[in-house]
Amino acid sequence: SLQRVWPATRIRERAALIASPDIDVVIVTV
């Protein structure tokens, strides 16, 4: 549902985002 608000940002499943080699920092706001 975020895609229409943040179109330039990749939407991922949580585990995929956290494991992704192209992520250096994870911000946790859950």
PDB file of all heavy atoms in Angstrom:
ATOM      1  N   SER A   1       0.828  -1.210   0.000  1.00  0.00           N
ATOM      2  CA  SER A   1       0.000   0.000   0.000  1.00  0.00           C
ATOM      3  C   SER A   1       0.861   1.258   0.000  1.00  0.00           C
ATOM      4  O   SER A   1       0.390   2.340  -0.306  1.00  0.00           O
ATOM      5  CB  SER A   1      -0.941   0.009   1.207  1.00  0.00           C
ATOM      6  OG  SER A   1      -0.203   0.212   2.404  1.00  0.00           O
ATOM      7  N   LEU A   2       2.139   1.105   0.324  1.00  0.00           N
ATOM      8  CA  LEU A   2       3.058   2.240   0.347  1.00  0.00           C
ATOM      9  C   LEU A   2       3.514   2.659  -1.044  1.00  0.00           C
ATOM     10  O   LEU A   2       4.009   3.761  -1.224  1.00  0.00           O
ATOM     11  CB  LEU A   2       4.296   1.887   1.180  1.00  0.00           C
ATOM     12  CG  LEU A   2       4.064   1.551   2.636  1.00  0.00           C
ATOM     13  CD1 LEU A   2       5.342   0.995   3.248  1.00  0.00           C
ATOM     14  CD2 LEU A   2       3.585   2.758   3.397  1.00  0.00           C
ATOM     15  N   GLN A   3       3.372   1.781  -2.021  1.00  0.00           N
ATOM     16  CA  GLN A   3       3.935   2.040  -3.350  1.00  0.00           C
ATOM     17  C   GLN A   3       3.411   3.332  -3.971  1.00  0.00           C
ATOM     18  O   GLN A   3       4.157   4.059  -4.597  1.00  0.00           O
ATOM     19  CB  GLN A   3       3.657   0.866  -4.289  1.00  0.00           C
ATOM     20  CG  GLN A   3       4.478   0.913  -5.559  1.00  0.00           C
ATOM     21  CD  GLN A   3       5.983   0.807  -5.293  1.00  0.00           C
ATOM     22  OE1 GLN A   3       6.440  -0.169  -4.744  1.00  0.00           O
ATOM     23  NE2 GLN A   3       6.735   1.816  -5.669  1.00  0.00           N
ATOM     24  N   ARG A   4       2.158   3.639  -3.753  1.00  0.00           N
ATOM     25  CA  ARG A   4       1.612   4.869  -4.357  1.00  0.00           C
ATOM     26  C   ARG A   4       2.124   6.126  -3.641  1.00  0.00           C
ATOM     27  O   ARG A   4       2.165   7.194  -4.213  1.00  0.00           O
ATOM     28  CB  ARG A   4       0.095   4.818  -4.388  1.00  0.00           C
ATOM     29  CG  ARG A   4      -0.580   4.850  -3.057  1.00  0.00           C
ATOM     30  CD  ARG A   4      -2.113   4.735  -3.172  1.00  0.00           C
ATOM     31  NE  ARG A   4      -2.739   4.730  -1.886  1.00  0.00           N
ATOM     32  CZ  ARG A   4      -2.818   3.684  -1.083  1.00  0.00           C
ATOM     33  NH1 ARG A   4      -2.302   2.541  -1.436  1.00  0.00           N
ATOM     34  NH2 ARG A   4      -3.410   3.783   0.086  1.00  0.00           N
ATOM     35  N   VAL A   5       2.519   5.988  -2.360  1.00  0.00           N
ATOM     36  CA  VAL A   5       3.009   7.134  -1.593  1.00  0.00           C
ATOM     37  C   VAL A   5       4.522   7.289  -1.737  1.00  0.00           C
ATOM     38  O   VAL A   5       5.041   8.392  -1.820  1.00  0.00           O
ATOM     39  CB  VAL A   5       2.627   6.972  -0.105  1.00  0.00           C
ATOM     40  CG1 VAL A   5       3.149   8.144   0.711  1.00  0.00           C
ATOM     41  CG2 VAL A   5       1.125   6.838   0.040  1.00  0.00           C
ATOM     42  N   TRP A   6       5.246   6.169  -1.787  1.00  0.00           N
ATOM     43  CA  TRP A   6       6.698   6.173  -1.877  1.00  0.00           C
ATOM     44  C   TRP A   6       7.113   5.403  -3.133  1.00  0.00           C
ATOM     45  O   TRP A   6       7.740   4.351  -3.045  1.00  0.00           O
ATOM     46  CB  TRP A   6       7.329   5.520  -0.642  1.00  0.00           C
ATOM     47  CG  TRP A   6       6.774   6.013   0.648  1.00  0.00           C
ATOM     48  CD1 TRP A   6       5.906   5.361   1.470  1.00  0.00           C
ATOM     49  CD2 TRP A   6       7.012   7.269   1.267  1.00  0.00           C
ATOM     50  NE1 TRP A   6       5.610   6.126   2.557  1.00  0.00           N
ATOM     51  CE2 TRP A   6       6.268   7.304   2.465  1.00  0.00           C
ATOM     52  CE3 TRP A   6       7.796   8.370   0.928  1.00  0.00           C
ATOM     53  CZ2 TRP A   6       6.281   8.404   3.319  1.00  0.00           C
ATOM     54  CZ3 TRP A   6       7.795   9.453   1.782  1.00  0.00           C
ATOM     55  CH2 TRP A   6       7.053   9.469   2.956  1.00  0.00           C
ATOM     56  N   PRO A   7       6.789   5.896  -4.313  1.00  0.00           N
ATOM     57  CA  PRO A   7       6.998   5.121  -5.545  1.00  0.00           C
ATOM     58  C   PRO A   7       8.453   4.792  -5.865  1.00  0.00           C
ATOM     59  O   PRO A   7       8.730   3.799  -6.525  1.00  0.00           O
ATOM     60  CB  PRO A   7       6.385   6.001  -6.629  1.00  0.00           C
ATOM     61  CG  PRO A   7       6.354   7.371  -6.057  1.00  0.00           C
ATOM     62  CD  PRO A   7       6.226   7.207  -4.573  1.00  0.00           C
ATOM     63  N   ALA A   8       9.395   5.571  -5.395  1.00  0.00           N
ATOM     64  CA  ALA A   8      10.805   5.316  -5.738  1.00  0.00           C
ATOM     65  C   ALA A   8      11.469   4.333  -4.781  1.00  0.00           C
ATOM     66  O   ALA A   8      12.615   3.971  -4.954  1.00  0.00           O
ATOM     67  CB  ALA A   8      11.577   6.630  -5.745  1.00  0.00           C
ATOM     68  N   THR A   9      10.733   3.910  -3.776  1.00  0.00           N
ATOM     69  CA  THR A   9      11.296   3.032  -2.754  1.00  0.00           C
ATOM     70  C   THR A   9      10.862   1.597  -2.995  1.00  0.00           C
ATOM     71  O   THR A   9       9.706   1.344  -3.289  1.00  0.00           O
ATOM     72  CB  THR A   9      10.820   3.502  -1.361  1.00  0.00           C
ATOM     73  OG1 THR A   9      11.172   4.867  -1.205  1.00  0.00           O
ATOM     74  CG2 THR A   9      11.452   2.696  -0.262  1.00  0.00           C
ATOM     75  N   ARG A  10      11.785   0.677  -2.851  1.00  0.00           N
ATOM     76  CA  ARG A  10      11.464  -0.737  -3.049  1.00  0.00           C
ATOM     77  C   ARG A  10      10.672  -1.270  -1.867  1.00  0.00           C
ATOM     78  O   ARG A  10      11.053  -1.107  -0.724  1.00  0.00           O
ATOM     79  CB  ARG A  10      12.746  -1.544  -3.229  1.00  0.00           C
ATOM     80  CG  ARG A  10      13.323  -1.328  -4.633  1.00  0.00           C
ATOM     81  CD  ARG A  10      14.678  -1.949  -4.729  1.00  0.00           C
ATOM     82  NE  ARG A  10      15.594  -0.799  -4.695  1.00  0.00           N
ATOM     83  CZ  ARG A  10      16.852  -0.834  -4.398  1.00  0.00           C
ATOM     84  NH1 ARG A  10      17.420  -1.952  -4.094  1.00  0.00           N
ATOM     85  NH2 ARG A  10      17.580   0.251  -4.402  1.00  0.00           N
ATOM     86  N   ILE A  11       9.565  -1.928  -2.173  1.00  0.00           N
ATOM     87  CA  ILE A  11       8.713  -2.534  -1.156  1.00  0.00           C
ATOM     88  C   ILE A  11       9.114  -3.998  -1.053  1.00  0.00           C
ATOM     89  O   ILE A  11       9.214  -4.690  -2.056  1.00  0.00           O
ATOM     90  CB  ILE A  11       7.221  -2.418  -1.549  1.00  0.00           C
ATOM     91  CG1 ILE A  11       6.845  -0.977  -1.922  1.00  0.00           C
ATOM     92  CG2 ILE A  11       6.333  -2.976  -0.447  1.00  0.00           C
ATOM     93  CD1 ILE A  11       7.074   0.054  -0.863  1.00  0.00           C
ATOM     94  N   ARG A  12       9.314  -4.460   0.170  1.00  0.00           N
ATOM     95  CA  ARG A  12       9.769  -5.837   0.348  1.00  0.00           C
ATOM     96  C   ARG A  12       9.087  -6.487   1.538  1.00  0.00           C
ATOM     97  O   ARG A  12       8.549  -5.803   2.401  1.00  0.00           O
ATOM     98  CB  ARG A  12      11.277  -5.857   0.609  1.00  0.00           C
ATOM     99  CG  ARG A  12      12.055  -5.199  -0.484  1.00  0.00           C
ATOM    100  CD  ARG A  12      13.503  -5.291  -0.190  1.00  0.00           C
ATOM    101  NE  ARG A  12      14.217  -4.470  -1.160  1.00  0.00           N
ATOM    102  CZ  ARG A  12      15.449  -4.098  -1.011  1.00  0.00           C
ATOM    103  NH1 ARG A  12      16.132  -4.459   0.034  1.00  0.00           N
ATOM    104  NH2 ARG A  12      16.035  -3.367  -1.925  1.00  0.00           N
ATOM    105  N   GLU A  13       9.177  -7.803   1.572  1.00  0.00           N
ATOM    106  CA  GLU A  13       8.795  -8.504   2.786  1.00  0.00           C
ATOM    107  C   GLU A  13       9.844  -8.169   3.837  1.00  0.00           C
ATOM    108  O   GLU A  13      11.007  -7.915   3.510  1.00  0.00           O
ATOM    109  CB  GLU A  13       8.744 -10.007   2.553  1.00  0.00           C
ATOM    110  CG  GLU A  13       7.593 -10.420   1.663  1.00  0.00           C
ATOM    111  CD  GLU A  13       7.529 -11.920   1.489  1.00  0.00           C
ATOM    112  OE1 GLU A  13       8.569 -12.534   1.195  1.00  0.00           O
ATOM    113  OE2 GLU A  13       6.426 -12.459   1.649  1.00  0.00           O
ATOM    114  N   ARG A  14       9.436  -8.205   5.078  1.00  0.00           N
ATOM    115  CA  ARG A  14      10.333  -7.794   6.160  1.00  0.00           C
ATOM    116  C   ARG A  14      11.643  -8.590   6.157  1.00  0.00           C
ATOM    117  O   ARG A  14      12.725  -8.009   6.227  1.00  0.00           O
ATOM    118  CB  ARG A  14       9.607  -7.938   7.491  1.00  0.00           C
ATOM    119  CG  ARG A  14      10.422  -7.476   8.634  1.00  0.00           C
ATOM    120  CD  ARG A  14       9.657  -7.317   9.910  1.00  0.00           C
ATOM    121  NE  ARG A  14       8.688  -8.355  10.157  1.00  0.00           N
ATOM    122  CZ  ARG A  14       7.809  -8.326  11.138  1.00  0.00           C
ATOM    123  NH1 ARG A  14       7.775  -7.311  11.948  1.00  0.00           N
ATOM    124  NH2 ARG A  14       6.959  -9.291  11.323  1.00  0.00           N
ATOM    125  N   ALA A  15      11.566  -9.892   6.071  1.00  0.00           N
ATOM    126  CA  ALA A  15      12.779 -10.718   6.113  1.00  0.00           C
ATOM    127  C   ALA A  15      13.693 -10.413   4.928  1.00  0.00           C
ATOM    128  O   ALA A  15      14.913 -10.364   5.071  1.00  0.00           O
ATOM    129  CB  ALA A  15      12.411 -12.201   6.133  1.00  0.00           C
ATOM    130  N   ALA A  16      13.106 -10.176   3.758  1.00  0.00           N
ATOM    131  CA  ALA A  16      13.902  -9.869   2.566  1.00  0.00           C
ATOM    132  C   ALA A  16      14.600  -8.520   2.709  1.00  0.00           C
ATOM    133  O   ALA A  16      15.758  -8.363   2.312  1.00  0.00           O
ATOM    134  CB  ALA A  16      13.035  -9.898   1.323  1.00  0.00           C
ATOM    135  N   LEU A  17      13.911  -7.544   3.256  1.00  0.00           N
ATOM    136  CA  LEU A  17      14.526  -6.226   3.451  1.00  0.00           C
ATOM    137  C   LEU A  17      15.706  -6.337   4.417  1.00  0.00           C
ATOM    138  O   LEU A  17      16.794  -5.838   4.146  1.00  0.00           O
ATOM    139  CB  LEU A  17      13.508  -5.232   4.005  1.00  0.00           C
ATOM    140  CG  LEU A  17      14.095  -3.853   4.299  1.00  0.00           C
ATOM    141  CD1 LEU A  17      13.314  -2.776   3.583  1.00  0.00           C
ATOM    142  CD2 LEU A  17      14.172  -3.571   5.770  1.00  0.00           C
ATOM    143  N   ILE A  18      15.482  -7.011   5.531  1.00  0.00           N
ATOM    144  CA  ILE A  18      16.520  -7.100   6.554  1.00  0.00           C
ATOM    145  C   ILE A  18      17.738  -7.862   6.043  1.00  0.00           C
ATOM    146  O   ILE A  18      18.875  -7.510   6.347  1.00  0.00           O
ATOM    147  CB  ILE A  18      15.944  -7.735   7.835  1.00  0.00           C
ATOM    148  CG1 ILE A  18      14.936  -6.763   8.467  1.00  0.00           C
ATOM    149  CG2 ILE A  18      17.040  -8.100   8.815  1.00  0.00           C
ATOM    150  CD1 ILE A  18      14.126  -7.352   9.600  1.00  0.00           C
ATOM    151  N   ALA A  19      17.524  -8.889   5.234  1.00  0.00           N
ATOM    152  CA  ALA A  19      18.639  -9.703   4.732  1.00  0.00           C
ATOM    153  C   ALA A  19      19.310  -9.108   3.499  1.00  0.00           C
ATOM    154  O   ALA A  19      20.383  -9.546   3.104  1.00  0.00           O
ATOM    155  CB  ALA A  19      18.136 -11.109   4.403  1.00  0.00           C
ATOM    156  N   SER A  20      18.711  -8.104   2.898  1.00  0.00           N
ATOM    157  CA  SER A  20      19.197  -7.559   1.645  1.00  0.00           C
ATOM    158  C   SER A  20      20.609  -6.986   1.761  1.00  0.00           C
ATOM    159  O   SER A  20      20.895  -6.195   2.669  1.00  0.00           O
ATOM    160  CB  SER A  20      18.257  -6.464   1.148  1.00  0.00           C
ATOM    161  OG  SER A  20      18.793  -5.852   0.004  1.00  0.00           O
ATOM    162  N   PRO A  21      21.485  -7.325   0.827  1.00  0.00           N
ATOM    163  CA  PRO A  21      22.841  -6.764   0.859  1.00  0.00           C
ATOM    164  C   PRO A  21      22.887  -5.269   0.518  1.00  0.00           C
ATOM    165  O   PRO A  21      23.903  -4.624   0.753  1.00  0.00           O
ATOM    166  CB  PRO A  21      23.591  -7.588  -0.187  1.00  0.00           C
ATOM    167  CG  PRO A  21      22.548  -8.136  -1.080  1.00  0.00           C
ATOM    168  CD  PRO A  21      21.307  -8.289  -0.256  1.00  0.00           C
ATOM    169  N   ASP A  22      21.791  -4.714  -0.007  1.00  0.00           N
ATOM    170  CA  ASP A  22      21.810  -3.285  -0.325  1.00  0.00           C
ATOM    171  C   ASP A  22      21.201  -2.426   0.786  1.00  0.00           C
ATOM    172  O   ASP A  22      20.876  -1.265   0.573  1.00  0.00           O
ATOM    173  CB  ASP A  22      21.135  -3.014  -1.681  1.00  0.00           C
ATOM    174  CG  ASP A  22      19.648  -3.290  -1.685  1.00  0.00           C
ATOM    175  OD1 ASP A  22      19.179  -4.048  -0.812  1.00  0.00           O
ATOM    176  OD2 ASP A  22      18.944  -2.760  -2.567  1.00  0.00           O
ATOM    177  N   ILE A  23      21.085  -2.977   1.980  1.00  0.00           N
ATOM    178  CA  ILE A  23      20.626  -2.226   3.147  1.00  0.00           C
ATOM    179  C   ILE A  23      21.762  -2.201   4.170  1.00  0.00           C
ATOM    180  O   ILE A  23      22.312  -3.238   4.531  1.00  0.00           O
ATOM    181  CB  ILE A  23      19.372  -2.878   3.786  1.00  0.00           C
ATOM    182  CG1 ILE A  23      18.187  -2.909   2.823  1.00  0.00           C
ATOM    183  CG2 ILE A  23      19.001  -2.173   5.098  1.00  0.00           C
ATOM    184  CD1 ILE A  23      17.561  -1.565   2.540  1.00  0.00           C
ATOM    185  N   ASP A  24      22.130  -0.999   4.624  1.00  0.00           N
ATOM    186  CA  ASP A  24      23.164  -0.839   5.651  1.00  0.00           C
ATOM    187  C   ASP A  24      22.568  -0.638   7.034  1.00  0.00           C
ATOM    188  O   ASP A  24      23.123  -1.094   8.031  1.00  0.00           O
ATOM    189  CB  ASP A  24      24.041   0.387   5.342  1.00  0.00           C
ATOM    190  CG  ASP A  24      24.691   0.312   3.986  1.00  0.00           C
ATOM    191  OD1 ASP A  24      25.294  -0.727   3.670  1.00  0.00           O
ATOM    192  OD2 ASP A  24      24.593   1.314   3.232  1.00  0.00           O
ATOM    193  N   VAL A  25      21.451   0.099   7.085  1.00  0.00           N
ATOM    194  CA  VAL A  25      20.833   0.479   8.353  1.00  0.00           C
ATOM    195  C   VAL A  25      19.359   0.119   8.303  1.00  0.00           C
ATOM    196  O   VAL A  25      18.670   0.424   7.315  1.00  0.00           O
ATOM    197  CB  VAL A  25      20.961   2.009   8.601  1.00  0.00           C
ATOM    198  CG1 VAL A  25      20.304   2.403   9.913  1.00  0.00           C
ATOM    199  CG2 VAL A  25      22.402   2.458   8.544  1.00  0.00           C
ATOM    200  N   VAL A  26      18.864  -0.502   9.366  1.00  0.00           N
ATOM    201  CA  VAL A  26      17.440  -0.804   9.489  1.00  0.00           C
ATOM    202  C   VAL A  26      16.865   0.103  10.568  1.00  0.00           C
ATOM    203  O   VAL A  26      17.330   0.103  11.710  1.00  0.00           O
ATOM    204  CB  VAL A  26      17.202  -2.284   9.859  1.00  0.00           C
ATOM    205  CG1 VAL A  26      15.718  -2.548  10.087  1.00  0.00           C
ATOM    206  CG2 VAL A  26      17.753  -3.204   8.776  1.00  0.00           C
ATOM    207  N   ILE A  27      15.852   0.880  10.181  1.00  0.00           N
ATOM    208  CA  ILE A  27      15.127   1.711  11.143  1.00  0.00           C
ATOM    209  C   ILE A  27      13.885   0.929  11.548  1.00  0.00           C
ATOM    210  O   ILE A  27      13.114   0.490  10.693  1.00  0.00           O
ATOM    211  CB  ILE A  27      14.729   3.074  10.532  1.00  0.00           C
ATOM    212  CG1 ILE A  27      15.980   3.889  10.220  1.00  0.00           C
ATOM    213  CG2 ILE A  27      13.807   3.837  11.487  1.00  0.00           C
ATOM    214  CD1 ILE A  27      15.695   5.220   9.544  1.00  0.00           C
ATOM    215  N   VAL A  28      13.696   0.767  12.850  1.00  0.00           N
ATOM    216  CA  VAL A  28      12.594  -0.039  13.382  1.00  0.00           C
ATOM    217  C   VAL A  28      11.576   0.887  14.033  1.00  0.00           C
ATOM    218  O   VAL A  28      11.863   1.511  15.058  1.00  0.00           O
ATOM    219  CB  VAL A  28      13.118  -1.068  14.410  1.00  0.00           C
ATOM    220  CG1 VAL A  28      11.977  -1.916  14.959  1.00  0.00           C
ATOM    221  CG2 VAL A  28      14.199  -1.942  13.775  1.00  0.00           C
ATOM    222  N   THR A  29      10.391   0.973  13.421  1.00  0.00           N
ATOM    223  CA  THR A  29       9.338   1.832  13.960  1.00  0.00           C
ATOM    224  C   THR A  29       8.028   1.076  14.129  1.00  0.00           C
ATOM    225  O   THR A  29       6.967   1.684  14.173  1.00  0.00           O
ATOM    226  CB  THR A  29       9.114   3.074  13.062  1.00  0.00           C
ATOM    227  OG1 THR A  29       8.673   2.642  11.784  1.00  0.00           O
ATOM    228  CG2 THR A  29      10.372   3.908  12.946  1.00  0.00           C
ATOM    229  N   VAL A  30       8.106  -0.238  14.225  1.00  0.00           N
ATOM    230  CA  VAL A  30       6.912  -1.054  14.457  1.00  0.00           C
ATOM    231  C   VAL A  30       6.538  -0.991  15.933  1.00  0.00           C
ATOM    232  O   VAL A  30       7.282  -0.451  16.754  1.00  0.00           O
ATOM    233  CB  VAL A  30       7.154  -2.526  14.025  1.00  0.00           C
ATOM    234  CG1 VAL A  30       7.343  -2.628  12.527  1.00  0.00           C
ATOM    235  CG2 VAL A  30       8.339  -3.118  14.769  1.00  0.00           C
TER     236      VAL A  30
END
